[in-house]
Amino acid sequence: MPNTTFRHLKALSVEIGARPSGSVGNQAAAAYIESVFRRCGLAVETQEFACPAWEELGAWLCMHDSAIPVAANPYSPSCLVSAPLMPLCTGEELEAADLKGKLAVLYGELVHHPLPPKAKSFKDGANARIVELLEAKQPVAILAVQQRAGEIERLIEDWEFHIPSATVSAQVGAMLLQHAGETARLRIDTRQSRGVTANVVGRLPGLIRQQIVLCAHYDTKVDTPGASDNASGVAVMLALAEQLCRQEQPYSLEFVAFTGQEYLPLGDDEYVRRRGNSFNSIDAVLNFDAVGLRNGPNAVAGFNLPPVMQANLERVTAHFPEVTWMEPWPEGNHSTFAFRGVPSLAFTAKVEDAHYHLRSDTIDQISRERLDEMVMLGGKMVEEMALSLRMPA
């Protein structure tokens, strides 16, 4: 069977494109993944659950009879408001501000990073306080100014945050600061509804019922084709399913395509709920997230690895000289397992100029050779983990 990893990558990131939970693209990706699992002869479970569905229809900011481009933030409600601009740069300024009837313009440290959803597990107290203050002070709407030049990365993305908001470029933001106190007119048109998304799980029985899980998330942010984040990881997982289904496996294998990683609710929570007590039958996990990038080597991090397993896995990676071990990182599907004590591996790429969450996260960011390397390494790791787990303590 020829290697089909790049074909899977193309199907997800080029033919389907953006895959946020609840969208048509998300449903198309789930159907594609399910079709691959079924061709491999896996027993398939589709774990559907409710999620918000959101679509931007248009967004405009008008000043002095000129229309200025803005990008509605994901899950922003619609609005049509006219209000004075009130720029805010620091937490101290936000604490002191009276935002009633104002159009808040957030810049500087207030939007140094995208504000995380309230339900997100990993967020710092400063960001949580910003959201808390905005909800308490109730501006008529919010404009978040992107600090860096280039593509818009929307800076508020929380379906539980009900203040209308949009992101503007650094250039537009600089212009708005010069017109502080002047009245601007903001129109945001969006469509919100109750949506459905689903984890797609494929199971391959082995000689024993204990399982090794291979996983990757297939959803994306709203703007991006998500080639590296994370069509690459899903493509590797699908290629491993095609490879491993042709061989008798000592361990039962479970392949999980997670959704809800980018915007919540987490598909991981639905997966854990459905597993119930059977979660204890998972002996090891491999998670693939943003792998095979052209501008940086593949890397792996370990969690809860027994010393013997760690040593054996390091011997495996020694045969892949470009692959490096890195410090454990928490944000990823592997954490669902690692935080419950399961030995876990997280695969990613070490890059400085990543295009995650942007329109530029296209298929040309991916190296065929490094993607194939990850399939080869993943297969070897599954084999070694199965051997290490069966060794007497």
Protein backbone atom coordinates (compact mmCIF):
# COMPACT_ATOMS: atom_id res chain seq x y z
CA MET A 1 0.00 0.00 0.00
CA PRO A 2 1.53 3.35 -1.01
CA ASN A 3 1.98 5.96 1.68
CA THR A 4 -1.16 8.09 1.75
CA THR A 5 -0.19 10.56 4.47
CA PHE A 6 0.09 13.55 2.16
CA ARG A 7 -3.19 12.67 0.47
CA HIS A 8 -4.94 12.80 3.85
CA LEU A 9 -3.27 16.14 4.58
CA LYS A 10 -4.50 17.54 1.26
CA ALA A 11 -8.03 16.24 1.74
CA LEU A 12 -8.35 17.92 5.12
CA SER A 13 -6.51 21.22 4.58
CA VAL A 14 -7.09 21.90 0.87
CA GLU A 15 -10.27 20.11 -0.20
CA ILE A 16 -12.16 20.71 3.07
CA GLY A 17 -10.32 23.66 4.61
CA ALA A 18 -11.36 25.36 7.85
CA ARG A 19 -12.98 22.93 10.30
CA PRO A 20 -14.26 24.77 13.40
CA SER A 21 -16.66 22.76 15.55
CA GLY A 22 -20.25 22.90 14.33
CA SER A 23 -19.32 23.96 10.79
CA VAL A 24 -19.91 22.23 7.47
CA GLY A 25 -16.14 21.75 7.16
CA ASN A 26 -16.01 20.10 10.58
CA GLN A 27 -18.72 17.64 9.57
CA ALA A 28 -17.00 16.92 6.25
CA ALA A 29 -13.71 16.19 8.03
CA ALA A 30 -15.43 13.83 10.47
CA ALA A 31 -17.02 11.97 7.57
CA TYR A 32 -13.66 11.70 5.80
CA ILE A 33 -11.92 10.34 8.90
CA GLU A 34 -14.73 7.83 9.48
CA SER A 35 -14.44 6.61 5.87
CA VAL A 36 -10.70 5.96 6.30
CA PHE A 37 -11.29 4.07 9.56
CA ARG A 38 -13.94 1.91 7.91
CA ARG A 39 -11.68 1.12 4.95
CA CYS A 40 -9.13 -0.09 7.51
CA GLY A 41 -11.70 -2.47 8.96
CA LEU A 42 -11.87 -0.62 12.30
CA ALA A 43 -14.96 -0.65 14.48
CA VAL A 44 -16.12 2.98 14.39
CA GLU A 45 -17.90 5.01 17.06
CA THR A 46 -19.05 8.56 16.32
CA GLN A 47 -19.34 10.49 19.58
CA GLU A 48 -21.70 13.36 18.78
CA PHE A 49 -22.27 16.22 21.19
CA ALA A 50 -23.75 19.71 21.09
CA CYS A 51 -21.64 22.78 20.41
CA PRO A 52 -22.27 26.36 19.32
CA ALA A 53 -22.21 27.03 15.59
CA TRP A 54 -21.17 30.50 14.45
CA GLU A 55 -20.77 32.27 11.12
CA GLU A 56 -19.56 35.77 10.29
CA LEU A 57 -21.70 37.51 7.69
CA GLY A 58 -19.86 40.84 7.73
CA ALA A 59 -18.31 43.47 9.98
CA TRP A 60 -17.64 47.18 9.39
CA LEU A 61 -16.40 50.15 11.40
CA CYS A 62 -17.35 53.59 10.12
CA MET A 63 -15.62 56.88 11.01
CA HIS A 64 -15.91 60.19 9.15
CA ASP A 65 -17.99 58.45 6.44
CA SER A 66 -15.17 55.94 5.78
CA ALA A 67 -15.53 52.16 6.16
CA ILE A 68 -12.69 50.46 8.01
CA PRO A 69 -12.07 46.70 7.79
CA VAL A 70 -12.57 44.69 10.98
CA ALA A 71 -12.92 40.95 11.71
CA ALA A 72 -15.73 39.82 13.98
CA ASN A 73 -14.40 37.73 16.83
CA PRO A 74 -15.63 34.13 16.91
CA TYR A 75 -19.00 33.83 18.70
CA SER A 76 -19.48 37.59 18.82
CA PRO A 77 -23.18 38.50 18.72
CA SER A 78 -24.44 40.91 16.08
CA CYS A 79 -24.61 44.61 16.83
CA LEU A 80 -25.15 48.04 15.33
CA VAL A 81 -23.82 50.68 17.73
CA SER A 82 -22.50 54.23 17.68
CA ALA A 83 -20.34 55.24 20.63
CA PRO A 84 -17.21 57.20 21.62
CA LEU A 85 -13.91 55.35 21.29
CA MET A 86 -12.19 54.65 24.62
CA PRO A 87 -8.64 53.23 24.25
CA LEU A 88 -7.30 51.07 27.08
CA CYS A 89 -3.77 49.70 27.25
CA THR A 90 -3.16 48.32 30.75
CA GLY A 91 -4.95 46.42 33.46
CA GLU A 92 -4.80 49.50 35.66
CA GLU A 93 -6.54 51.59 33.00
CA LEU A 94 -9.22 48.95 32.60
CA GLU A 95 -9.74 48.75 36.37
CA ALA A 96 -10.34 52.52 36.54
CA ALA A 97 -12.38 52.96 33.35
CA ASP A 98 -16.08 53.76 33.11
CA LEU A 99 -17.07 51.93 29.94
CA LYS A 100 -20.82 52.49 30.06
CA GLY A 101 -21.92 53.64 26.61
CA LYS A 102 -18.33 53.41 25.26
CA LEU A 103 -16.71 51.47 22.44
CA ALA A 104 -13.67 49.98 24.21
CA VAL A 105 -10.45 49.83 22.17
CA LEU A 106 -8.11 47.30 23.78
CA TYR A 107 -4.42 47.38 22.87
CA GLY A 108 -0.99 46.72 24.39
CA GLU A 109 -0.81 44.36 27.34
CA LEU A 110 -4.59 43.81 27.40
CA VAL A 111 -4.43 41.85 24.13
CA HIS A 112 -0.83 40.71 24.10
CA HIS A 113 -2.28 37.24 23.49
CA PRO A 114 -5.80 36.17 22.46
CA LEU A 115 -8.08 36.26 25.50
CA PRO A 116 -8.83 32.65 26.45
CA PRO A 117 -12.37 31.30 26.87
CA LYS A 118 -13.64 31.38 30.44
CA ALA A 119 -13.99 27.60 30.43
CA LYS A 120 -10.42 26.99 29.27
CA SER A 121 -8.33 25.02 31.75
CA PHE A 122 -4.98 26.70 31.02
CA LYS A 123 -5.14 30.49 31.46
CA ASP A 124 -3.37 32.97 33.66
CA GLY A 125 -5.05 35.12 36.26
CA ALA A 126 -4.36 38.39 34.44
CA ASN A 127 -6.30 37.31 31.36
CA ALA A 128 -9.14 36.00 33.49
CA ARG A 129 -9.30 39.37 35.27
CA ILE A 130 -9.50 41.24 31.94
CA VAL A 131 -12.52 39.19 30.91
CA GLU A 132 -14.12 39.64 34.33
CA LEU A 133 -13.72 43.42 34.19
CA LEU A 134 -15.07 43.70 30.65
CA GLU A 135 -18.17 41.74 31.60
CA ALA A 136 -18.69 43.89 34.71
CA LYS A 137 -18.16 47.23 32.94
CA GLN A 138 -20.28 46.35 29.87
CA PRO A 139 -19.02 48.53 27.02
CA VAL A 140 -21.41 48.61 24.05
CA ALA A 141 -18.77 46.71 22.05
CA ILE A 142 -15.04 45.96 21.97
CA LEU A 143 -12.36 46.48 19.35
CA ALA A 144 -9.21 44.45 20.03
CA VAL A 145 -6.05 45.76 18.35
CA GLN A 146 -3.61 43.19 17.03
CA GLN A 147 -0.06 44.19 17.97
CA ARG A 148 1.91 42.50 15.24
CA ALA A 149 1.72 43.34 11.55
CA GLY A 150 0.31 40.86 9.07
CA GLU A 151 -2.67 38.54 9.07
CA ILE A 152 -5.52 39.07 11.50
CA GLU A 153 -5.61 36.62 14.39
CA ARG A 154 -8.92 37.19 16.14
CA LEU A 155 -8.29 38.07 19.76
CA ILE A 156 -11.49 37.10 21.59
CA GLU A 157 -13.03 33.68 21.02
CA ASP A 158 -15.49 32.62 23.68
CA TRP A 159 -19.09 31.53 23.11
CA GLU A 160 -19.80 32.37 26.77
CA PHE A 161 -18.69 36.00 26.27
CA HIS A 162 -21.69 38.04 25.11
CA ILE A 163 -20.27 41.51 24.42
CA PRO A 164 -20.00 42.21 20.65
CA SER A 165 -16.36 42.36 19.62
CA ALA A 166 -14.05 42.50 16.63
CA THR A 167 -10.32 42.54 15.94
CA VAL A 168 -8.53 45.23 13.93
CA SER A 169 -5.05 45.35 12.49
CA ALA A 170 -2.17 47.18 14.17
CA GLN A 171 -2.38 49.87 11.49
CA VAL A 172 -6.10 50.45 12.06
CA GLY A 173 -5.52 50.38 15.81
CA ALA A 174 -2.93 53.16 15.58
CA MET A 175 -5.44 55.28 13.67
CA LEU A 176 -8.16 54.67 16.26
CA LEU A 177 -5.87 55.81 19.07
CA GLN A 178 -5.49 59.16 17.30
CA HIS A 179 -9.29 59.59 17.40
CA ALA A 180 -9.90 58.69 21.05
CA GLY A 181 -13.18 60.14 22.29
CA GLU A 182 -14.65 60.51 18.82
CA THR A 183 -17.79 58.58 17.88
CA ALA A 184 -17.50 55.52 15.69
CA ARG A 185 -20.19 53.25 14.28
CA LEU A 186 -19.68 49.49 14.48
CA ARG A 187 -21.79 46.93 12.70
CA ILE A 188 -21.28 43.19 13.20
CA ASP A 189 -23.51 40.68 11.42
CA THR A 190 -23.21 37.07 12.56
CA ARG A 191 -25.31 33.94 12.62
CA GLN A 192 -25.37 31.76 15.73
CA SER A 193 -27.16 28.48 16.25
CA ARG A 194 -27.01 25.21 18.12
CA GLY A 195 -24.56 22.93 16.33
CA VAL A 196 -23.27 19.40 16.52
CA THR A 197 -19.74 18.07 16.35
CA ALA A 198 -18.24 14.65 17.01
CA ASN A 199 -15.15 12.72 18.00
CA VAL A 200 -14.50 9.87 15.60
CA VAL A 201 -13.11 6.72 17.22
CA GLY A 202 -11.78 3.65 15.39
CA ARG A 203 -10.91 0.47 17.28
CA LEU A 204 -8.62 -2.38 16.23
CA PRO A 205 -8.74 -5.45 18.52
CA GLY A 206 -5.43 -6.98 19.57
CA LEU A 207 -4.35 -10.10 21.39
CA ILE A 208 -5.21 -8.45 24.71
CA ARG A 209 -8.01 -6.02 25.58
CA GLN A 210 -5.72 -3.37 27.09
CA GLN A 211 -5.34 -0.44 24.71
CA ILE A 212 -2.82 1.94 23.25
CA VAL A 213 -4.54 5.13 22.04
CA LEU A 214 -3.32 7.16 19.05
CA CYS A 215 -5.01 10.54 18.76
CA ALA A 216 -5.07 13.95 17.05
CA HIS A 217 -7.57 16.81 16.91
CA TYR A 218 -9.09 17.66 13.53
CA ASP A 219 -10.88 20.96 14.25
CA THR A 220 -9.41 24.39 13.45
CA LYS A 221 -9.90 28.08 14.11
CA VAL A 222 -12.40 29.86 11.84
CA ASP A 223 -9.95 31.43 9.38
CA THR A 224 -7.40 28.74 8.75
CA PRO A 225 -7.08 25.65 6.56
CA GLY A 226 -5.11 24.24 9.49
CA ALA A 227 -2.51 22.27 7.54
CA SER A 228 -0.02 22.12 10.40
CA ASP A 229 -2.63 22.60 13.17
CA ASN A 230 -3.73 19.95 12.85
CA ALA A 231 -4.37 18.25 9.52
CA SER A 232 -0.75 17.08 9.78
CA GLY A 233 -1.37 15.19 13.02
CA VAL A 234 -4.60 13.66 11.74
CA ALA A 235 -2.89 12.60 8.50
CA VAL A 236 -0.19 10.80 10.49
CA MET A 237 -2.78 9.09 12.68
CA LEU A 238 -4.77 7.94 9.62
CA ALA A 239 -1.63 6.66 7.91
CA LEU A 240 -0.75 4.70 11.05
CA ALA A 241 -4.25 3.21 11.11
CA GLU A 242 -3.76 2.07 7.50
CA GLN A 243 -0.35 0.61 8.35
CA LEU A 244 -1.14 -1.06 11.67
CA CYS A 245 -4.45 -2.60 10.61
CA ARG A 246 -2.52 -4.96 8.29
CA GLN A 247 -0.63 -6.57 11.16
CA GLU A 248 -1.69 -8.60 14.17
CA GLN A 249 -1.34 -6.33 17.19
CA PRO A 250 -0.34 -7.51 20.67
CA TYR A 251 -2.27 -4.58 22.15
CA SER A 252 -5.71 -3.40 21.12
CA LEU A 253 -5.39 -0.04 19.38
CA GLU A 254 -7.79 2.87 19.48
CA PHE A 255 -7.53 5.79 17.05
CA VAL A 256 -9.28 8.96 18.24
CA ALA A 257 -9.91 12.05 16.10
CA PHE A 258 -10.84 14.70 18.66
CA THR A 259 -12.85 17.84 18.02
CA GLY A 260 -13.44 20.97 20.12
CA GLN A 261 -9.75 21.55 20.84
CA GLU A 262 -9.75 25.10 19.48
CA TYR A 263 -12.99 26.65 20.73
CA LEU A 264 -14.61 24.33 23.28
CA PRO A 265 -16.52 22.42 24.46
CA LEU A 266 -13.71 19.89 24.49
CA GLY A 267 -14.25 16.63 22.67
CA ASP A 268 -11.94 15.15 25.30
CA ASP A 269 -14.63 15.61 27.95
CA GLU A 270 -17.19 13.72 25.89
CA TYR A 271 -14.66 10.96 25.24
CA VAL A 272 -13.89 10.57 28.96
CA ARG A 273 -17.60 10.58 29.82
CA ARG A 274 -18.33 7.80 27.36
CA ARG A 275 -15.34 5.73 28.44
CA GLY A 276 -16.46 5.69 32.07
CA ASN A 277 -14.69 2.94 34.00
CA SER A 278 -13.19 1.51 30.81
CA PHE A 279 -10.74 4.44 30.79
CA ASN A 280 -8.62 2.24 33.06
CA SER A 281 -7.98 -0.12 30.15
CA ILE A 282 -5.81 2.53 28.42
CA ASP A 283 -2.15 1.72 29.04
CA ALA A 284 -0.46 4.31 26.80
CA VAL A 285 -1.21 7.26 24.50
CA LEU A 286 0.41 8.89 21.48
CA ASN A 287 -0.87 12.34 20.47
CA PHE A 288 0.08 14.02 17.18
CA ASP A 289 -0.30 17.80 17.06
CA ALA A 290 1.38 20.04 14.45
CA VAL A 291 3.96 17.60 13.09
CA GLY A 292 5.99 17.37 9.89
CA LEU A 293 6.62 21.10 9.48
CA ARG A 294 9.04 22.34 6.88
CA ASN A 295 10.74 24.95 9.09
CA GLY A 296 11.52 22.87 12.18
CA PRO A 297 12.32 19.30 13.24
CA ASN A 298 9.84 16.84 14.69
CA ALA A 299 9.94 16.55 18.48
CA VAL A 300 8.49 14.37 21.21
CA ALA A 301 7.71 14.89 24.90
CA GLY A 302 7.03 12.17 27.45
CA PHE A 303 4.62 12.09 30.40
CA ASN A 304 4.46 9.46 33.16
CA LEU A 305 6.93 7.21 31.36
CA PRO A 306 8.43 4.44 33.51
CA PRO A 307 12.26 4.60 33.40
CA VAL A 308 12.63 1.42 31.36
CA MET A 309 10.06 2.60 28.80
CA GLN A 310 11.71 6.03 28.61
CA ALA A 311 15.11 4.44 27.92
CA ASN A 312 13.67 2.12 25.28
CA LEU A 313 11.84 4.94 23.52
CA GLU A 314 14.98 7.07 23.49
CA ARG A 315 16.77 4.20 21.77
CA VAL A 316 14.03 4.21 19.12
CA THR A 317 14.37 7.95 18.47
CA ALA A 318 18.15 7.55 18.16
CA HIS A 319 17.44 6.00 14.74
CA PHE A 320 15.77 9.29 13.72
CA PRO A 321 18.63 11.79 14.18
CA GLU A 322 16.56 14.91 13.37
CA VAL A 323 13.92 14.12 16.02
CA THR A 324 14.50 15.75 19.41
CA TRP A 325 13.06 15.27 22.87
CA MET A 326 11.55 18.39 24.42
CA GLU A 327 10.09 19.52 27.73
CA PRO A 328 6.52 18.35 28.39
CA TRP A 329 3.86 20.83 27.25
CA PRO A 330 0.34 20.79 28.68
CA GLU A 331 -2.00 22.12 26.01
CA GLY A 332 -3.05 19.18 23.89
CA ASN A 333 -5.21 16.08 23.84
CA HIS A 334 -2.45 14.10 25.54
CA SER A 335 -3.14 16.01 28.76
CA THR A 336 -6.52 14.30 29.10
CA PHE A 337 -4.62 11.06 29.56
CA ALA A 338 -1.39 12.27 31.15
CA PHE A 339 -3.21 14.11 33.95
CA ARG A 340 -4.89 10.80 34.78
CA GLY A 341 -1.55 9.03 35.09
CA VAL A 342 -1.44 7.32 31.69
CA PRO A 343 2.04 7.04 30.09
CA SER A 344 1.80 9.45 27.15
CA LEU A 345 3.82 10.78 24.23
CA ALA A 346 3.12 14.13 22.59
CA PHE A 347 4.54 14.66 19.10
CA THR A 348 4.90 18.13 17.59
CA ALA A 349 7.49 20.26 15.75
CA LYS A 350 10.02 22.70 17.18
CA VAL A 351 9.49 25.87 15.18
CA GLU A 352 9.88 29.59 15.85
CA ASP A 353 7.86 31.00 12.95
CA ALA A 354 4.69 28.93 13.23
CA HIS A 355 1.57 29.77 11.22
CA TYR A 356 -0.89 28.18 13.65
CA HIS A 357 -4.42 29.65 13.54
CA LEU A 358 -3.66 31.83 10.50
CA ARG A 359 -4.80 31.77 6.88
CA SER A 360 -1.17 31.12 5.99
CA ASP A 361 -1.22 27.70 7.72
CA THR A 362 -1.37 26.06 4.31
CA ILE A 363 -0.11 22.79 2.91
CA ASP A 364 3.16 24.37 1.78
CA GLN A 365 4.13 24.64 5.47
CA ILE A 366 4.48 20.84 5.57
CA SER A 367 7.45 18.69 4.60
CA ARG A 368 6.55 15.35 2.99
CA GLU A 369 9.75 13.84 4.33
CA ARG A 370 9.12 14.95 7.92
CA LEU A 371 5.51 13.84 7.72
CA ASP A 372 6.65 10.39 6.56
CA GLU A 373 9.29 10.39 9.30
CA MET A 374 6.55 10.90 11.87
CA VAL A 375 4.58 7.92 10.52
CA MET A 376 7.67 5.73 10.70
CA LEU A 377 8.54 6.93 14.19
CA GLY A 378 4.95 6.57 15.40
CA GLY A 379 4.82 2.97 14.23
CA LYS A 380 8.10 2.16 15.96
CA MET A 381 6.92 3.86 19.15
CA VAL A 382 3.69 1.84 19.23
CA GLU A 383 5.70 -1.35 18.83
CA GLU A 384 8.16 -0.39 21.56
CA MET A 385 5.49 0.77 23.99
CA ALA A 386 3.62 -2.51 23.56
CA LEU A 387 6.83 -4.44 24.31
CA SER A 388 7.71 -2.28 27.33
CA LEU A 389 4.21 -2.50 28.79
CA ARG A 390 4.25 -6.29 28.63
CA MET A 391 7.62 -6.63 30.33
CA PRO A 392 7.47 -7.76 33.98
CA ALA A 393 7.92 -4.91 36.44
